[in-house]
Amino acid sequence: MARVLLIEDDWETAEVITAELSDRNFEVEWAADGIAGLERARALRPDAMIVDRLLPGMDGLAIIETLRNELVRTPVLVLSALGAVNDRVRGLRIGGDDYLTKPFAIVELIARVEALLRRPSETRETTLCVGTLQLDLIERRAKRGERTIDLLPREFRLLEYMMQHCDQLLTRAMLLEEVWHYKFVPATNLVDVHMGRLRHKVDGPSEPPMIHSIRGSGFILRTPS
């Protein structure tokens, strides 16, 4: 029996969806606001999710983005009254797997959920290695050799992105977009501050440096020669 998490604040809509899915032998969990929905998603690890876009407490797209950053790959059907092309594209780019506008036919919703569940599970590398530097994406742990590196969440994401793009020049604009999700480049030293802290943690006093600053351009993570 597949478990579906429904995050929907309109109780009438939730009642209809829950009843139809239950009649088709789905196990349905329902959360009525964004914050509770995110907590349920983390705790339950359902087989699929149906997430309304406009929710009290936390926006539906913010829920999806948070889960994707935490490497949760549960397929998600986004529900929304916002049906413009740009809205649908944003929902899919943020990490949604399908997008259905309101009002909808319940039979179409069921068919879309069933289609999501038929998709093969995504395989993903769970450990990144660059030289003696290791990043466990499941346990959220970092090590350099036998030394454990204590990273804050943003530092972890920054290091993850750099390790995925080892030996590539990463500009501040690229890092702001990919790690902080900025769609424009503000006048800020945010990247430099975080990079300084990360470099202090990754490159110990007696270790050859791995994080390099390229003056006027950006940063590179390299395997020590």
N, C-alpha and C. Protein backbone atom coordinates (compact mmCIF):
# COMPACT_ATOMS: atom_id res chain seq x y z
N MET A 1 0.85 -1.20 0.00
CA MET A 1 0.00 0.00 0.00
C MET A 1 0.88 1.24 0.00
N ALA A 2 0.72 2.07 -1.03
CA ALA A 2 1.54 3.28 -1.14
C ALA A 2 1.04 4.34 -0.17
N ARG A 3 1.97 5.05 0.44
CA ARG A 3 1.62 6.11 1.38
C ARG A 3 1.79 7.46 0.70
N VAL A 4 0.74 8.26 0.76
CA VAL A 4 0.74 9.59 0.14
C VAL A 4 0.54 10.64 1.23
N LEU A 5 1.38 11.65 1.21
CA LEU A 5 1.22 12.78 2.12
C LEU A 5 0.56 13.92 1.36
N LEU A 6 -0.57 14.37 1.87
CA LEU A 6 -1.30 15.50 1.29
C LEU A 6 -1.12 16.72 2.18
N ILE A 7 -0.61 17.80 1.60
CA ILE A 7 -0.47 19.06 2.35
C ILE A 7 -1.39 20.06 1.67
N GLU A 8 -2.52 20.31 2.30
CA GLU A 8 -3.59 21.13 1.71
C GLU A 8 -4.37 21.80 2.83
N ASP A 9 -4.52 23.13 2.75
CA ASP A 9 -5.20 23.84 3.83
C ASP A 9 -6.71 23.91 3.67
N ASP A 10 -7.22 23.66 2.48
CA ASP A 10 -8.66 23.68 2.27
C ASP A 10 -9.23 22.30 2.63
N TRP A 11 -10.04 22.25 3.70
CA TRP A 11 -10.46 20.95 4.21
C TRP A 11 -11.39 20.23 3.25
N GLU A 12 -12.21 20.96 2.47
CA GLU A 12 -13.10 20.29 1.51
C GLU A 12 -12.31 19.60 0.42
N THR A 13 -11.31 20.31 -0.11
CA THR A 13 -10.44 19.71 -1.13
C THR A 13 -9.69 18.51 -0.56
N ALA A 14 -9.17 18.67 0.66
CA ALA A 14 -8.44 17.59 1.30
C ALA A 14 -9.33 16.38 1.54
N GLU A 15 -10.55 16.63 1.92
CA GLU A 15 -11.49 15.54 2.19
C GLU A 15 -11.78 14.73 0.93
N VAL A 16 -11.99 15.42 -0.19
CA VAL A 16 -12.27 14.74 -1.45
C VAL A 16 -11.07 13.91 -1.90
N ILE A 17 -9.88 14.53 -1.85
CA ILE A 17 -8.67 13.82 -2.28
C ILE A 17 -8.41 12.61 -1.39
N THR A 18 -8.52 12.80 -0.10
CA THR A 18 -8.28 11.71 0.85
C THR A 18 -9.23 10.55 0.62
N ALA A 19 -10.51 10.88 0.41
CA ALA A 19 -11.50 9.83 0.19
C ALA A 19 -11.22 9.05 -1.09
N GLU A 20 -10.91 9.76 -2.17
CA GLU A 20 -10.66 9.09 -3.45
C GLU A 20 -9.40 8.22 -3.39
N LEU A 21 -8.35 8.73 -2.79
CA LEU A 21 -7.13 7.94 -2.68
C LEU A 21 -7.33 6.73 -1.78
N SER A 22 -8.04 6.90 -0.69
CA SER A 22 -8.31 5.79 0.23
C SER A 22 -9.12 4.70 -0.46
N ASP A 23 -10.09 5.10 -1.29
CA ASP A 23 -10.90 4.12 -2.03
C ASP A 23 -10.05 3.29 -2.98
N ARG A 24 -8.90 3.83 -3.37
CA ARG A 24 -8.00 3.11 -4.28
C ARG A 24 -6.83 2.48 -3.53
N ASN A 25 -7.02 2.29 -2.24
CA ASN A 25 -6.07 1.56 -1.38
C ASN A 25 -4.76 2.30 -1.13
N PHE A 26 -4.80 3.62 -1.22
CA PHE A 26 -3.66 4.41 -0.79
C PHE A 26 -3.80 4.71 0.70
N GLU A 27 -2.68 4.77 1.40
CA GLU A 27 -2.67 5.24 2.78
C GLU A 27 -2.37 6.73 2.75
N VAL A 28 -3.28 7.53 3.24
CA VAL A 28 -3.17 8.99 3.10
C VAL A 28 -2.93 9.64 4.45
N GLU A 29 -1.92 10.49 4.52
CA GLU A 29 -1.67 11.35 5.67
C GLU A 29 -1.93 12.79 5.23
N TRP A 30 -2.59 13.56 6.11
CA TRP A 30 -2.96 14.93 5.72
C TRP A 30 -2.39 15.93 6.71
N ALA A 31 -1.81 17.00 6.18
CA ALA A 31 -1.36 18.14 6.99
C ALA A 31 -2.02 19.38 6.43
N ALA A 32 -2.49 20.26 7.33
CA ALA A 32 -3.28 21.41 6.91
C ALA A 32 -2.49 22.71 6.80
N ASP A 33 -1.20 22.70 7.11
CA ASP A 33 -0.39 23.90 6.94
C ASP A 33 1.03 23.50 6.56
N GLY A 34 1.80 24.49 6.10
CA GLY A 34 3.11 24.20 5.55
C GLY A 34 4.11 23.68 6.56
N ILE A 35 4.13 24.25 7.75
CA ILE A 35 5.11 23.83 8.75
C ILE A 35 4.85 22.40 9.20
N ALA A 36 3.58 22.08 9.48
CA ALA A 36 3.24 20.71 9.86
C ALA A 36 3.51 19.75 8.71
N GLY A 37 3.26 20.21 7.48
CA GLY A 37 3.51 19.36 6.32
C GLY A 37 4.97 19.01 6.15
N LEU A 38 5.85 19.99 6.36
CA LEU A 38 7.29 19.72 6.26
C LEU A 38 7.73 18.72 7.33
N GLU A 39 7.22 18.88 8.54
CA GLU A 39 7.56 17.95 9.62
C GLU A 39 7.08 16.54 9.30
N ARG A 40 5.85 16.43 8.76
CA ARG A 40 5.32 15.12 8.39
C ARG A 40 6.16 14.48 7.28
N ALA A 41 6.55 15.29 6.31
CA ALA A 41 7.35 14.77 5.20
C ALA A 41 8.67 14.20 5.70
N ARG A 42 9.30 14.90 6.63
CA ARG A 42 10.58 14.44 7.18
C ARG A 42 10.40 13.16 7.99
N ALA A 43 9.30 13.09 8.74
CA ALA A 43 9.11 11.95 9.65
C ALA A 43 8.59 10.72 8.92
N LEU A 44 7.68 10.91 7.96
CA LEU A 44 7.00 9.78 7.34
C LEU A 44 7.75 9.19 6.15
N ARG A 45 8.47 10.04 5.42
CA ARG A 45 9.10 9.63 4.16
C ARG A 45 8.08 8.88 3.29
N PRO A 46 7.02 9.57 2.85
CA PRO A 46 5.98 8.92 2.06
C PRO A 46 6.47 8.51 0.68
N ASP A 47 5.67 7.74 -0.03
CA ASP A 47 6.01 7.31 -1.38
C ASP A 47 5.76 8.41 -2.40
N ALA A 48 4.80 9.30 -2.10
CA ALA A 48 4.51 10.44 -2.96
C ALA A 48 3.88 11.54 -2.12
N MET A 49 3.94 12.76 -2.63
CA MET A 49 3.36 13.90 -1.93
C MET A 49 2.50 14.72 -2.88
N ILE A 50 1.42 15.27 -2.35
CA ILE A 50 0.60 16.24 -3.05
C ILE A 50 0.66 17.52 -2.22
N VAL A 51 1.19 18.59 -2.81
CA VAL A 51 1.46 19.81 -2.04
C VAL A 51 0.78 21.00 -2.69
N ASP A 52 -0.12 21.63 -1.93
CA ASP A 52 -0.73 22.87 -2.39
C ASP A 52 0.33 23.97 -2.37
N ARG A 53 0.27 24.86 -3.35
CA ARG A 53 1.31 25.88 -3.44
C ARG A 53 1.15 26.97 -2.39
N LEU A 54 -0.08 27.45 -2.18
CA LEU A 54 -0.31 28.55 -1.25
C LEU A 54 -0.83 27.98 0.06
N LEU A 55 0.04 27.98 1.08
CA LEU A 55 -0.28 27.37 2.37
C LEU A 55 0.01 28.35 3.50
N PRO A 56 -0.72 28.26 4.59
CA PRO A 56 -0.37 29.05 5.77
C PRO A 56 0.89 28.49 6.43
N GLY A 57 1.67 29.34 7.03
CA GLY A 57 2.85 28.90 7.75
C GLY A 57 4.09 28.80 6.90
N MET A 58 3.97 28.12 5.76
CA MET A 58 5.13 27.93 4.87
C MET A 58 4.63 27.62 3.47
N ASP A 59 5.10 28.36 2.50
CA ASP A 59 4.68 28.17 1.12
C ASP A 59 5.03 26.77 0.61
N GLY A 60 4.15 26.22 -0.23
CA GLY A 60 4.38 24.87 -0.74
C GLY A 60 5.69 24.70 -1.49
N LEU A 61 6.07 25.70 -2.28
CA LEU A 61 7.34 25.61 -3.01
C LEU A 61 8.52 25.65 -2.05
N ALA A 62 8.38 26.39 -0.96
CA ALA A 62 9.45 26.42 0.04
C ALA A 62 9.61 25.05 0.70
N ILE A 63 8.51 24.34 0.90
CA ILE A 63 8.57 22.98 1.43
C ILE A 63 9.36 22.09 0.49
N ILE A 64 9.01 22.14 -0.79
CA ILE A 64 9.68 21.29 -1.78
C ILE A 64 11.16 21.62 -1.88
N GLU A 65 11.47 22.91 -1.92
CA GLU A 65 12.88 23.32 -2.02
C GLU A 65 13.67 22.86 -0.81
N THR A 66 13.08 22.98 0.37
CA THR A 66 13.75 22.54 1.59
C THR A 66 14.04 21.04 1.55
N LEU A 67 13.06 20.26 1.13
CA LEU A 67 13.25 18.81 1.06
C LEU A 67 14.29 18.43 0.01
N ARG A 68 14.28 19.11 -1.12
CA ARG A 68 15.27 18.80 -2.16
C ARG A 68 16.68 19.13 -1.68
N ASN A 69 16.82 20.22 -0.93
CA ASN A 69 18.13 20.57 -0.38
C ASN A 69 18.58 19.56 0.67
N GLU A 70 17.63 18.87 1.28
CA GLU A 70 17.94 17.82 2.25
C GLU A 70 18.05 16.45 1.58
N LEU A 71 18.05 16.46 0.23
CA LEU A 71 18.22 15.25 -0.59
C LEU A 71 17.04 14.29 -0.47
N VAL A 72 15.88 14.80 -0.15
CA VAL A 72 14.66 13.99 -0.16
C VAL A 72 14.11 14.01 -1.58
N ARG A 73 14.01 12.84 -2.22
CA ARG A 73 13.63 12.75 -3.62
C ARG A 73 12.20 12.24 -3.82
N THR A 74 11.39 12.28 -2.80
CA THR A 74 10.01 11.85 -2.91
C THR A 74 9.31 12.59 -4.04
N PRO A 75 8.65 11.89 -4.98
CA PRO A 75 7.96 12.59 -6.06
C PRO A 75 6.82 13.46 -5.53
N VAL A 76 6.70 14.67 -6.11
CA VAL A 76 5.74 15.65 -5.61
C VAL A 76 4.85 16.16 -6.75
N LEU A 77 3.54 16.12 -6.50
CA LEU A 77 2.57 16.76 -7.38
C LEU A 77 2.17 18.08 -6.74
N VAL A 78 2.40 19.18 -7.45
CA VAL A 78 2.07 20.52 -6.95
C VAL A 78 0.65 20.87 -7.37
N LEU A 79 -0.16 21.31 -6.41
CA LEU A 79 -1.51 21.83 -6.69
C LEU A 79 -1.48 23.34 -6.56
N SER A 80 -2.15 24.04 -7.49
CA SER A 80 -2.16 25.49 -7.38
C SER A 80 -3.27 26.10 -8.22
N ALA A 81 -3.80 27.21 -7.72
CA ALA A 81 -4.74 28.01 -8.51
C ALA A 81 -3.99 28.90 -9.49
N LEU A 82 -2.66 28.96 -9.36
CA LEU A 82 -1.82 29.76 -10.26
C LEU A 82 -1.45 28.91 -11.46
N GLY A 83 -2.07 29.18 -12.59
CA GLY A 83 -1.89 28.30 -13.75
C GLY A 83 -1.10 28.89 -14.89
N ALA A 84 -0.53 30.08 -14.72
CA ALA A 84 0.26 30.69 -15.78
C ALA A 84 1.51 29.85 -16.05
N VAL A 85 2.03 29.97 -17.26
CA VAL A 85 3.20 29.17 -17.65
C VAL A 85 4.36 29.41 -16.70
N ASN A 86 4.62 30.67 -16.36
CA ASN A 86 5.74 30.98 -15.46
C ASN A 86 5.56 30.33 -14.09
N ASP A 87 4.32 30.27 -13.61
CA ASP A 87 4.06 29.64 -12.31
C ASP A 87 4.33 28.14 -12.39
N ARG A 88 3.89 27.51 -13.48
CA ARG A 88 4.11 26.07 -13.63
C ARG A 88 5.59 25.76 -13.76
N VAL A 89 6.29 26.58 -14.54
CA VAL A 89 7.72 26.36 -14.74
C VAL A 89 8.46 26.51 -13.41
N ARG A 90 8.10 27.52 -12.63
CA ARG A 90 8.77 27.73 -11.34
C ARG A 90 8.53 26.54 -10.42
N GLY A 91 7.31 26.03 -10.40
CA GLY A 91 7.01 24.88 -9.55
C GLY A 91 7.82 23.65 -9.93
N LEU A 92 8.04 23.45 -11.21
CA LEU A 92 8.82 22.29 -11.66
C LEU A 92 10.30 22.51 -11.43
N ARG A 93 10.78 23.70 -11.66
CA ARG A 93 12.21 23.98 -11.48
C ARG A 93 12.62 23.92 -10.01
N ILE A 94 11.71 24.26 -9.13
CA ILE A 94 12.05 24.27 -7.70
C ILE A 94 12.17 22.85 -7.15
N GLY A 95 11.65 21.86 -7.93
CA GLY A 95 11.77 20.47 -7.48
C GLY A 95 10.49 19.66 -7.58
N GLY A 96 9.39 20.29 -8.02
CA GLY A 96 8.16 19.54 -8.22
C GLY A 96 8.29 18.60 -9.41
N ASP A 97 7.61 17.48 -9.36
CA ASP A 97 7.68 16.50 -10.46
C ASP A 97 6.51 16.64 -11.42
N ASP A 98 5.40 17.23 -10.95
CA ASP A 98 4.23 17.44 -11.79
C ASP A 98 3.45 18.61 -11.20
N TYR A 99 2.59 19.21 -12.02
CA TYR A 99 1.89 20.44 -11.61
C TYR A 99 0.46 20.35 -12.13
N LEU A 100 -0.50 20.52 -11.24
CA LEU A 100 -1.92 20.44 -11.59
C LEU A 100 -2.62 21.68 -11.07
N THR A 101 -3.31 22.38 -11.98
CA THR A 101 -3.99 23.61 -11.59
C THR A 101 -5.40 23.34 -11.10
N LYS A 102 -5.83 24.19 -10.17
CA LYS A 102 -7.19 24.13 -9.64
C LYS A 102 -8.11 25.03 -10.49
N PRO A 103 -9.37 24.63 -10.67
CA PRO A 103 -9.99 23.36 -10.25
C PRO A 103 -9.53 22.21 -11.14
N PHE A 104 -9.57 21.02 -10.63
CA PHE A 104 -9.11 19.85 -11.39
C PHE A 104 -10.13 18.72 -11.26
N ALA A 105 -10.03 17.78 -12.17
CA ALA A 105 -10.84 16.57 -12.09
C ALA A 105 -10.12 15.57 -11.20
N ILE A 106 -10.82 15.02 -10.23
CA ILE A 106 -10.18 14.12 -9.28
C ILE A 106 -9.58 12.90 -9.97
N VAL A 107 -10.20 12.45 -11.06
CA VAL A 107 -9.65 11.28 -11.77
C VAL A 107 -8.30 11.61 -12.37
N GLU A 108 -8.11 12.87 -12.80
CA GLU A 108 -6.81 13.26 -13.34
C GLU A 108 -5.77 13.31 -12.24
N LEU A 109 -6.15 13.82 -11.07
CA LEU A 109 -5.21 13.84 -9.95
C LEU A 109 -4.76 12.43 -9.59
N ILE A 110 -5.70 11.51 -9.51
CA ILE A 110 -5.36 10.12 -9.19
C ILE A 110 -4.41 9.55 -10.23
N ALA A 111 -4.70 9.82 -11.51
CA ALA A 111 -3.86 9.30 -12.59
C ALA A 111 -2.44 9.86 -12.51
N ARG A 112 -2.33 11.13 -12.14
CA ARG A 112 -1.01 11.74 -12.04
C ARG A 112 -0.22 11.17 -10.86
N VAL A 113 -0.89 10.94 -9.74
CA VAL A 113 -0.22 10.33 -8.59
C VAL A 113 0.26 8.92 -8.96
N GLU A 114 -0.59 8.16 -9.62
CA GLU A 114 -0.21 6.80 -10.03
C GLU A 114 0.98 6.83 -10.98
N ALA A 115 1.01 7.83 -11.88
CA ALA A 115 2.14 7.97 -12.81
C ALA A 115 3.43 8.28 -12.06
N LEU A 116 3.35 9.15 -11.05
CA LEU A 116 4.54 9.47 -10.26
C LEU A 116 5.08 8.22 -9.56
N LEU A 117 4.19 7.40 -9.06
CA LEU A 117 4.61 6.20 -8.33
C LEU A 117 5.19 5.14 -9.25
N ARG A 118 4.89 5.21 -10.55
CA ARG A 118 5.44 4.24 -11.50
C ARG A 118 6.85 4.61 -11.95
N ARG A 119 7.26 5.84 -11.68
CA ARG A 119 8.59 6.25 -12.11
C ARG A 119 9.66 5.49 -11.34
N PRO A 120 10.73 5.10 -12.02
CA PRO A 120 11.81 4.40 -11.30
C PRO A 120 12.44 5.31 -10.27
N SER A 121 12.88 4.75 -9.17
CA SER A 121 13.54 5.53 -8.13
C SER A 121 14.82 6.13 -8.67
N GLU A 122 15.07 7.36 -8.33
CA GLU A 122 16.28 8.05 -8.78
C GLU A 122 17.49 7.55 -8.03
N THR A 123 18.50 7.17 -8.76
CA THR A 123 19.75 6.78 -8.11
C THR A 123 20.62 8.02 -7.96
N ARG A 124 21.27 8.12 -6.85
CA ARG A 124 22.05 9.32 -6.57
C ARG A 124 23.28 8.96 -5.76
N GLU A 125 24.39 9.59 -6.12
CA GLU A 125 25.61 9.38 -5.37
C GLU A 125 25.42 9.89 -3.95
N THR A 126 25.79 9.06 -2.99
CA THR A 126 25.53 9.42 -1.59
C THR A 126 26.79 9.89 -0.87
N THR A 127 27.97 9.69 -1.46
CA THR A 127 29.21 10.16 -0.85
C THR A 127 30.06 10.83 -1.91
N LEU A 128 30.50 12.04 -1.62
CA LEU A 128 31.40 12.76 -2.51
C LEU A 128 32.81 12.67 -1.97
N CYS A 129 33.78 12.46 -2.84
CA CYS A 129 35.18 12.36 -2.43
C CYS A 129 36.05 13.20 -3.35
N VAL A 130 36.88 14.03 -2.77
CA VAL A 130 37.90 14.78 -3.49
C VAL A 130 39.17 14.62 -2.69
N GLY A 131 40.10 13.82 -3.19
CA GLY A 131 41.29 13.50 -2.41
C GLY A 131 40.89 12.82 -1.11
N THR A 132 41.38 13.34 0.01
CA THR A 132 41.04 12.78 1.32
C THR A 132 39.79 13.44 1.92
N LEU A 133 39.20 14.37 1.18
CA LEU A 133 38.00 15.06 1.65
C LEU A 133 36.78 14.24 1.28
N GLN A 134 35.94 13.93 2.27
CA GLN A 134 34.74 13.11 2.05
C GLN A 134 33.51 13.83 2.59
N LEU A 135 32.41 13.72 1.85
CA LEU A 135 31.15 14.33 2.27
C LEU A 135 30.06 13.27 2.15
N ASP A 136 29.50 12.88 3.29
CA ASP A 136 28.42 11.90 3.32
C ASP A 136 27.10 12.66 3.22
N LEU A 137 26.40 12.50 2.08
CA LEU A 137 25.19 13.28 1.84
C LEU A 137 23.98 12.75 2.59
N ILE A 138 24.06 11.52 3.06
CA ILE A 138 22.95 10.94 3.82
C ILE A 138 23.08 11.29 5.30
N GLU A 139 24.25 11.02 5.86
CA GLU A 139 24.48 11.29 7.28
C GLU A 139 24.83 12.75 7.56
N ARG A 140 25.08 13.52 6.46
CA ARG A 140 25.41 14.94 6.57
C ARG A 140 26.69 15.13 7.38
N ARG A 141 27.72 14.34 7.05
CA ARG A 141 28.99 14.40 7.75
C ARG A 141 30.12 14.70 6.77
N ALA A 142 31.11 15.44 7.25
CA ALA A 142 32.27 15.78 6.45
C ALA A 142 33.53 15.35 7.18
N LYS A 143 34.52 14.83 6.41
CA LYS A 143 35.80 14.42 6.98
C LYS A 143 36.91 14.76 6.00
N ARG A 144 38.06 15.09 6.55
CA ARG A 144 39.28 15.19 5.75
C ARG A 144 40.27 14.25 6.38
N GLY A 145 40.53 13.14 5.70
CA GLY A 145 41.32 12.08 6.31
C GLY A 145 40.56 11.52 7.49
N GLU A 146 41.20 11.50 8.66
CA GLU A 146 40.55 11.01 9.88
C GLU A 146 39.93 12.15 10.69
N ARG A 147 40.07 13.39 10.18
CA ARG A 147 39.56 14.54 10.92
C ARG A 147 38.13 14.86 10.53
N THR A 148 37.25 14.91 11.53
CA THR A 148 35.85 15.28 11.30
C THR A 148 35.73 16.79 11.20
N ILE A 149 34.94 17.24 10.23
CA ILE A 149 34.73 18.66 10.00
C ILE A 149 33.29 19.00 10.39
N ASP A 150 33.14 19.90 11.32
CA ASP A 150 31.82 20.32 11.80
C ASP A 150 31.33 21.49 10.95
N LEU A 151 30.29 21.24 10.15
CA LEU A 151 29.79 22.25 9.22
C LEU A 151 28.37 22.68 9.56
N LEU A 152 28.11 23.96 9.41
CA LEU A 152 26.75 24.47 9.48
C LEU A 152 26.02 24.11 8.17
N PRO A 153 24.68 24.09 8.16
CA PRO A 153 23.94 23.66 6.96
C PRO A 153 24.35 24.39 5.68
N ARG A 154 24.52 25.71 5.74
CA ARG A 154 24.89 26.44 4.53
C ARG A 154 26.32 26.11 4.11
N GLU A 155 27.19 25.91 5.06
CA GLU A 155 28.57 25.51 4.75
C GLU A 155 28.58 24.13 4.09
N PHE A 156 27.73 23.24 4.58
CA PHE A 156 27.64 21.90 4.00
C PHE A 156 27.20 21.99 2.54
N ARG A 157 26.17 22.78 2.28
CA ARG A 157 25.68 22.92 0.89
C ARG A 157 26.73 23.56 0.01
N LEU A 158 27.46 24.53 0.53
CA LEU A 158 28.50 25.20 -0.23
C LEU A 158 29.62 24.21 -0.58
N LEU A 159 30.04 23.42 0.39
CA LEU A 159 31.09 22.44 0.13
C LEU A 159 30.60 21.36 -0.83
N GLU A 160 29.35 20.95 -0.68
CA GLU A 160 28.78 19.95 -1.59
C GLU A 160 28.84 20.44 -3.02
N TYR A 161 28.45 21.68 -3.24
CA TYR A 161 28.45 22.22 -4.60
C TYR A 161 29.87 22.33 -5.14
N MET A 162 30.81 22.73 -4.30
CA MET A 162 32.19 22.84 -4.76
C MET A 162 32.78 21.47 -5.09
N MET A 163 32.45 20.46 -4.29
CA MET A 163 32.97 19.12 -4.57
C MET A 163 32.34 18.53 -5.83
N GLN A 164 31.09 18.87 -6.09
CA GLN A 164 30.45 18.42 -7.32
C GLN A 164 31.06 19.09 -8.55
N HIS A 165 31.74 20.21 -8.34
CA HIS A 165 32.35 20.95 -9.44
C HIS A 165 33.84 21.16 -9.16
N CYS A 166 34.48 20.11 -8.70
CA CYS A 166 35.91 20.15 -8.38
C CYS A 166 36.73 20.59 -9.59
N ASP A 167 37.74 21.43 -9.35
CA ASP A 167 38.65 21.92 -10.39
C ASP A 167 37.99 22.89 -11.36
N GLN A 168 36.78 23.35 -11.03
CA GLN A 168 36.10 24.35 -11.86
C GLN A 168 36.09 25.69 -11.14
N LEU A 169 36.29 26.75 -11.90
CA LEU A 169 36.18 28.09 -11.33
C LEU A 169 34.72 28.40 -11.06
N LEU A 170 34.41 28.71 -9.82
CA LEU A 170 33.04 29.04 -9.43
C LEU A 170 32.98 30.52 -9.07
N THR A 171 32.23 31.28 -9.83
CA THR A 171 32.13 32.71 -9.56
C THR A 171 31.18 32.96 -8.38
N ARG A 172 31.25 34.14 -7.84
CA ARG A 172 30.35 34.51 -6.74
C ARG A 172 28.90 34.48 -7.19
N ALA A 173 28.65 34.90 -8.44
CA ALA A 173 27.29 34.89 -8.97
C ALA A 173 26.75 33.46 -9.05
N MET A 174 27.58 32.52 -9.51
CA MET A 174 27.17 31.12 -9.58
C MET A 174 26.84 30.59 -8.20
N LEU A 175 27.68 30.88 -7.22
CA LEU A 175 27.46 30.38 -5.87
C LEU A 175 26.21 31.00 -5.24
N LEU A 176 25.99 32.28 -5.47
CA LEU A 176 24.79 32.92 -4.94
C LEU A 176 23.53 32.30 -5.52
N GLU A 177 23.58 31.94 -6.78
CA GLU A 177 22.39 31.36 -7.42
C GLU A 177 22.18 29.91 -7.00
N GLU A 178 23.26 29.13 -6.97
CA GLU A 178 23.12 27.69 -6.73
C GLU A 178 23.03 27.33 -5.25
N VAL A 179 23.69 28.07 -4.40
CA VAL A 179 23.72 27.74 -2.97
C VAL A 179 22.71 28.57 -2.18
N TRP A 180 22.58 29.86 -2.55
CA TRP A 180 21.65 30.74 -1.83
C TRP A 180 20.34 30.95 -2.60
N HIS A 181 20.31 30.50 -3.86
CA HIS A 181 19.11 30.60 -4.71
C HIS A 181 18.70 32.03 -5.01
N TYR A 182 19.68 32.92 -5.08
CA TYR A 182 19.41 34.28 -5.53
C TYR A 182 19.29 34.28 -7.05
N LYS A 183 18.32 35.01 -7.58
CA LYS A 183 18.14 35.12 -9.02
C LYS A 183 18.78 36.39 -9.57
N PHE A 184 19.41 37.16 -8.70
CA PHE A 184 20.16 38.34 -9.11
C PHE A 184 21.39 38.41 -8.22
N VAL A 185 22.30 39.27 -8.56
CA VAL A 185 23.55 39.36 -7.81
C VAL A 185 23.53 40.64 -6.97
N PRO A 186 23.24 40.53 -5.68
CA PRO A 186 23.22 41.72 -4.82
C PRO A 186 24.64 42.14 -4.47
N ALA A 187 24.77 43.37 -4.03
CA ALA A 187 26.06 43.87 -3.56
C ALA A 187 26.27 43.35 -2.14
N THR A 188 26.98 42.25 -2.02
CA THR A 188 27.13 41.60 -0.72
C THR A 188 28.44 40.83 -0.68
N ASN A 189 28.99 40.69 0.53
CA ASN A 189 30.19 39.86 0.72
C ASN A 189 29.82 38.52 1.34
N LEU A 190 28.56 38.13 1.17
CA LEU A 190 28.04 36.90 1.76
C LEU A 190 28.88 35.68 1.40
N VAL A 191 29.21 35.55 0.11
CA VAL A 191 29.99 34.39 -0.34
C VAL A 191 31.37 34.40 0.31
N ASP A 192 32.02 35.56 0.33
CA ASP A 192 33.37 35.64 0.87
C ASP A 192 33.40 35.30 2.36
N VAL A 193 32.40 35.75 3.11
CA VAL A 193 32.35 35.46 4.54
C VAL A 193 32.20 33.95 4.77
N HIS A 194 31.26 33.33 4.08
CA HIS A 194 31.05 31.89 4.25
C HIS A 194 32.25 31.09 3.73
N MET A 195 32.84 31.55 2.63
CA MET A 195 33.99 30.83 2.08
C MET A 195 35.17 30.91 3.03
N GLY A 196 35.34 32.05 3.69
CA GLY A 196 36.43 32.17 4.66
C GLY A 196 36.26 31.20 5.81
N ARG A 197 35.04 31.07 6.31
CA ARG A 197 34.78 30.13 7.40
C ARG A 197 34.96 28.69 6.93
N LEU A 198 34.48 28.39 5.73
CA LEU A 198 34.60 27.03 5.20
C LEU A 198 36.06 26.66 4.97
N ARG A 199 36.85 27.58 4.42
CA ARG A 199 38.26 27.31 4.16
C ARG A 199 39.01 27.06 5.47
N HIS A 200 38.65 27.80 6.51
CA HIS A 200 39.28 27.61 7.82
C HIS A 200 39.00 26.21 8.37
N LYS A 201 37.82 25.68 8.07
CA LYS A 201 37.46 24.35 8.56
C LYS A 201 38.03 23.23 7.69
N VAL A 202 38.03 23.43 6.39
CA VAL A 202 38.49 22.38 5.47
C VAL A 202 40.01 22.28 5.44
N ASP A 203 40.69 23.42 5.40
CA ASP A 203 42.15 23.45 5.31
C ASP A 203 42.75 23.68 6.69
N GLY A 204 43.16 22.58 7.33
CA GLY A 204 43.78 22.67 8.64
C GLY A 204 45.16 23.29 8.56
N PRO A 205 45.72 23.69 9.70
CA PRO A 205 47.02 24.38 9.73
C PRO A 205 48.15 23.59 9.08
N SER A 206 48.15 22.28 9.23
CA SER A 206 49.25 21.46 8.69
C SER A 206 48.88 20.75 7.40
N GLU A 207 47.75 21.13 6.79
CA GLU A 207 47.27 20.45 5.59
C GLU A 207 47.45 21.34 4.37
N PRO A 208 47.77 20.76 3.22
CA PRO A 208 47.86 21.56 1.99
C PRO A 208 46.47 22.10 1.64
N PRO A 209 46.39 23.35 1.21
CA PRO A 209 45.08 23.96 0.95
C PRO A 209 44.35 23.30 -0.22
N MET A 210 43.02 23.23 -0.09
CA MET A 210 42.17 22.71 -1.15
C MET A 210 41.27 23.78 -1.74
N ILE A 211 40.88 24.75 -0.92
CA ILE A 211 40.02 25.84 -1.40
C ILE A 211 40.89 27.04 -1.75
N HIS A 212 40.81 27.46 -3.00
CA HIS A 212 41.66 28.54 -3.49
C HIS A 212 40.80 29.70 -3.98
N SER A 213 41.24 30.90 -3.65
CA SER A 213 40.59 32.12 -4.11
C SER A 213 41.30 32.62 -5.36
N ILE A 214 40.55 32.86 -6.42
CA ILE A 214 41.10 33.39 -7.66
C ILE A 214 40.73 34.86 -7.73
N ARG A 215 41.71 35.70 -7.57
CA ARG A 215 41.48 37.14 -7.42
C ARG A 215 40.63 37.69 -8.56
N GLY A 216 39.53 38.34 -8.20
CA GLY A 216 38.66 38.98 -9.17
C GLY A 216 37.76 38.03 -9.93
N SER A 217 37.85 36.73 -9.66
CA SER A 217 37.07 35.76 -10.43
C SER A 217 36.14 34.91 -9.57
N GLY A 218 36.71 34.25 -8.55
CA GLY A 218 35.89 33.36 -7.74
C GLY A 218 36.73 32.39 -6.95
N PHE A 219 36.29 31.13 -6.89
CA PHE A 219 36.93 30.14 -6.03
C PHE A 219 37.01 28.79 -6.75
N ILE A 220 38.01 28.00 -6.35
CA ILE A 220 38.20 26.66 -6.90
C ILE A 220 38.52 25.71 -5.77
N LEU A 221 37.92 24.53 -5.82
CA LEU A 221 38.31 23.43 -4.92
C LEU A 221 39.19 22.49 -5.73
N ARG A 222 40.42 22.25 -5.24
CA ARG A 222 41.37 21.40 -5.96
C ARG A 222 41.90 20.31 -5.05
N THR A 223 42.20 19.15 -5.63
CA THR A 223 42.89 18.10 -4.90
C THR A 223 44.34 18.54 -4.71
N PRO A 224 44.88 18.46 -3.49
CA PRO A 224 46.27 18.85 -3.28
C PRO A 224 47.22 18.03 -4.14
N SER A 225 48.21 18.67 -4.72
CA SER A 225 49.17 17.97 -5.59
C SER A 225 50.21 17.25 -4.73
